[in-house]
Amino acid sequence: MELWSYRPTPKQLAMTVVCFVTGASLFAVGAHLSLAPKQARTNTKARNDFHQTTPQKDDIINSLGTYIS
């Protein structure tokens, strides 16, 4: 069984490569756009968690005031 009955011309090969590269780039852009929002949400959550667990300046001053008085 043969794959082709005749060999493709150079122009046909070039068009095949162009179509393949275009499809691959569209796929990559779509994957990037679908993953970027998830990464942004993860980074925002991590930043918020860090700020909630890190003592703030006001918390430190208030805790020092209770020890002094």
N, C-alpha and C. Protein backbone atom coordinates (compact mmCIF):
# COMPACT_ATOMS: atom_id res chain seq x y z
N MET A 1 0.84 -1.18 0.00
CA MET A 1 0.00 0.00 0.00
C MET A 1 0.89 1.24 0.00
N GLU A 2 0.61 2.13 -0.89
CA GLU A 2 1.38 3.35 -0.98
C GLU A 2 0.67 4.48 -0.25
N LEU A 3 1.48 5.40 0.27
CA LEU A 3 0.92 6.55 0.96
C LEU A 3 0.36 7.56 -0.03
N TRP A 4 1.11 7.81 -1.10
CA TRP A 4 0.66 8.72 -2.15
C TRP A 4 0.79 8.03 -3.51
N SER A 5 -0.07 8.42 -4.41
CA SER A 5 0.04 7.89 -5.77
C SER A 5 1.16 8.60 -6.52
N TYR A 6 1.44 9.84 -6.13
CA TYR A 6 2.50 10.63 -6.77
C TYR A 6 3.12 11.52 -5.69
N ARG A 7 4.33 11.96 -5.97
CA ARG A 7 5.04 12.81 -4.99
C ARG A 7 4.47 14.23 -5.05
N PRO A 8 4.32 14.88 -3.88
CA PRO A 8 3.83 16.26 -3.88
C PRO A 8 4.86 17.21 -4.49
N THR A 9 4.36 18.26 -5.10
CA THR A 9 5.25 19.26 -5.69
C THR A 9 5.85 20.11 -4.59
N PRO A 10 6.93 20.83 -4.87
CA PRO A 10 7.52 21.71 -3.85
C PRO A 10 6.52 22.73 -3.31
N LYS A 11 5.64 23.24 -4.17
CA LYS A 11 4.64 24.20 -3.73
C LYS A 11 3.65 23.55 -2.75
N GLN A 12 3.27 22.32 -3.02
CA GLN A 12 2.36 21.61 -2.11
C GLN A 12 3.04 21.32 -0.78
N LEU A 13 4.30 20.95 -0.81
CA LEU A 13 5.04 20.72 0.43
C LEU A 13 5.15 22.00 1.25
N ALA A 14 5.41 23.12 0.57
CA ALA A 14 5.51 24.40 1.27
C ALA A 14 4.18 24.77 1.92
N MET A 15 3.09 24.56 1.20
CA MET A 15 1.77 24.87 1.76
C MET A 15 1.45 23.96 2.95
N THR A 16 1.88 22.71 2.88
CA THR A 16 1.67 21.79 4.00
C THR A 16 2.42 22.27 5.23
N VAL A 17 3.66 22.69 5.05
CA VAL A 17 4.46 23.20 6.17
C VAL A 17 3.83 24.47 6.74
N VAL A 18 3.38 25.37 5.86
CA VAL A 18 2.76 26.62 6.32
C VAL A 18 1.49 26.32 7.13
N CYS A 19 0.67 25.42 6.63
CA CYS A 19 -0.56 25.07 7.34
C CYS A 19 -0.26 24.41 8.68
N PHE A 20 0.75 23.55 8.72
CA PHE A 20 1.12 22.89 9.97
C PHE A 20 1.62 23.91 11.00
N VAL A 21 2.50 24.81 10.59
CA VAL A 21 3.04 25.82 11.50
C VAL A 21 1.93 26.75 11.99
N THR A 22 1.03 27.14 11.10
CA THR A 22 -0.09 27.99 11.50
C THR A 22 -0.97 27.29 12.52
N GLY A 23 -1.29 26.05 12.29
CA GLY A 23 -2.11 25.29 13.24
C GLY A 23 -1.43 25.11 14.58
N ALA A 24 -0.14 24.81 14.56
CA ALA A 24 0.61 24.64 15.80
C ALA A 24 0.67 25.95 16.59
N SER A 25 0.85 27.07 15.90
CA SER A 25 0.92 28.35 16.60
C SER A 25 -0.44 28.72 17.17
N LEU A 26 -1.52 28.46 16.45
CA LEU A 26 -2.86 28.73 16.99
C LEU A 26 -3.14 27.85 18.21
N PHE A 27 -2.71 26.62 18.17
CA PHE A 27 -2.87 25.72 19.32
C PHE A 27 -2.09 26.25 20.52
N ALA A 28 -0.86 26.70 20.30
CA ALA A 28 -0.02 27.22 21.39
C ALA A 28 -0.62 28.48 21.99
N VAL A 29 -1.12 29.37 21.16
CA VAL A 29 -1.75 30.60 21.67
C VAL A 29 -3.00 30.26 22.48
N GLY A 30 -3.80 29.33 22.00
CA GLY A 30 -4.99 28.92 22.75
C GLY A 30 -4.64 28.30 24.08
N ALA A 31 -3.62 27.46 24.12
CA ALA A 31 -3.19 26.86 25.38
C ALA A 31 -2.68 27.93 26.34
N HIS A 32 -1.93 28.89 25.83
CA HIS A 32 -1.42 29.96 26.68
C HIS A 32 -2.56 30.79 27.27
N LEU A 33 -3.54 31.12 26.43
CA LEU A 33 -4.65 31.94 26.90
C LEU A 33 -5.53 31.19 27.90
N SER A 34 -5.61 29.89 27.80
CA SER A 34 -6.45 29.14 28.73
C SER A 34 -5.72 28.88 30.05
N LEU A 35 -4.39 28.87 30.06
CA LEU A 35 -3.64 28.62 31.29
C LEU A 35 -3.29 29.90 32.04
N ALA A 36 -3.18 31.02 31.36
CA ALA A 36 -2.76 32.26 32.01
C ALA A 36 -3.73 32.70 33.11
N PRO A 37 -5.05 32.67 32.92
CA PRO A 37 -5.94 33.08 34.01
C PRO A 37 -5.81 32.19 35.24
N LYS A 38 -5.60 30.90 35.04
CA LYS A 38 -5.46 29.99 36.18
C LYS A 38 -4.20 30.33 36.98
N GLN A 39 -3.11 30.61 36.27
CA GLN A 39 -1.88 30.96 36.96
C GLN A 39 -2.04 32.28 37.71
N ALA A 40 -2.77 33.23 37.13
CA ALA A 40 -2.98 34.51 37.79
C ALA A 40 -3.79 34.32 39.07
N ARG A 41 -4.81 33.46 39.02
CA ARG A 41 -5.61 33.19 40.22
C ARG A 41 -4.77 32.53 41.29
N THR A 42 -3.90 31.61 40.89
CA THR A 42 -3.05 30.91 41.85
C THR A 42 -2.08 31.89 42.50
N ASN A 43 -1.48 32.77 41.71
CA ASN A 43 -0.54 33.76 42.26
C ASN A 43 -1.25 34.72 43.19
N THR A 44 -2.45 35.15 42.84
CA THR A 44 -3.20 36.08 43.69
C THR A 44 -3.57 35.41 45.00
N LYS A 45 -3.98 34.16 44.95
CA LYS A 45 -4.33 33.45 46.18
C LYS A 45 -3.11 33.29 47.07
N ALA A 46 -1.98 32.95 46.51
CA ALA A 46 -0.76 32.79 47.30
C ALA A 46 -0.35 34.12 47.93
N ARG A 47 -0.48 35.20 47.17
CA ARG A 47 -0.13 36.52 47.71
C ARG A 47 -1.07 36.91 48.84
N ASN A 48 -2.37 36.65 48.69
CA ASN A 48 -3.33 36.96 49.74
C ASN A 48 -3.09 36.12 50.98
N ASP A 49 -2.79 34.84 50.80
CA ASP A 49 -2.50 33.98 51.94
C ASP A 49 -1.25 34.46 52.68
N PHE A 50 -0.25 34.89 51.93
CA PHE A 50 0.97 35.39 52.56
C PHE A 50 0.69 36.62 53.40
N HIS A 51 -0.12 37.54 52.87
CA HIS A 51 -0.42 38.76 53.60
C HIS A 51 -1.29 38.49 54.82
N GLN A 52 -2.11 37.46 54.76
CA GLN A 52 -2.95 37.14 55.92
C GLN A 52 -2.14 36.50 57.03
N THR A 53 -1.11 35.74 56.70
CA THR A 53 -0.32 35.06 57.72
C THR A 53 0.86 35.89 58.20
N THR A 54 1.25 36.93 57.46
CA THR A 54 2.37 37.77 57.86
C THR A 54 1.86 38.87 58.79
N PRO A 55 2.49 39.06 59.96
CA PRO A 55 2.04 40.13 60.85
C PRO A 55 2.25 41.51 60.20
N GLN A 56 1.25 42.33 60.29
CA GLN A 56 1.33 43.67 59.72
C GLN A 56 1.92 44.64 60.74
N LYS A 57 2.26 45.81 60.30
CA LYS A 57 2.89 46.82 61.16
C LYS A 57 1.97 47.18 62.33
N ASP A 58 0.69 47.36 62.07
CA ASP A 58 -0.25 47.72 63.14
C ASP A 58 -0.37 46.60 64.16
N ASP A 59 -0.33 45.36 63.73
CA ASP A 59 -0.42 44.23 64.64
C ASP A 59 0.79 44.20 65.57
N ILE A 60 1.95 44.49 65.03
CA ILE A 60 3.18 44.46 65.83
C ILE A 60 3.14 45.59 66.86
N ILE A 61 2.73 46.77 66.45
CA ILE A 61 2.67 47.91 67.37
C ILE A 61 1.64 47.64 68.47
N ASN A 62 0.49 47.11 68.13
CA ASN A 62 -0.53 46.80 69.13
C ASN A 62 -0.06 45.74 70.10
N SER A 63 0.65 44.72 69.62
CA SER A 63 1.12 43.67 70.52
C SER A 63 2.23 44.20 71.43
N LEU A 64 3.05 45.12 70.95
CA LEU A 64 4.08 45.70 71.80
C LEU A 64 3.45 46.58 72.87
N GLY A 65 2.38 47.28 72.53
CA GLY A 65 1.70 48.14 73.50
C GLY A 65 1.12 47.35 74.64
N THR A 66 0.66 46.14 74.40
CA THR A 66 0.10 45.34 75.48
C THR A 66 1.20 44.84 76.40
N TYR A 67 2.40 44.63 75.89
CA TYR A 67 3.50 44.17 76.75
C TYR A 67 4.07 45.31 77.58
N ILE A 68 4.05 46.51 77.04
CA ILE A 68 4.64 47.66 77.74
C ILE A 68 3.72 48.11 78.88
N SER A 69 2.43 48.12 78.65
CA SER A 69 1.54 48.64 79.70
C SER A 69 1.12 47.59 80.67
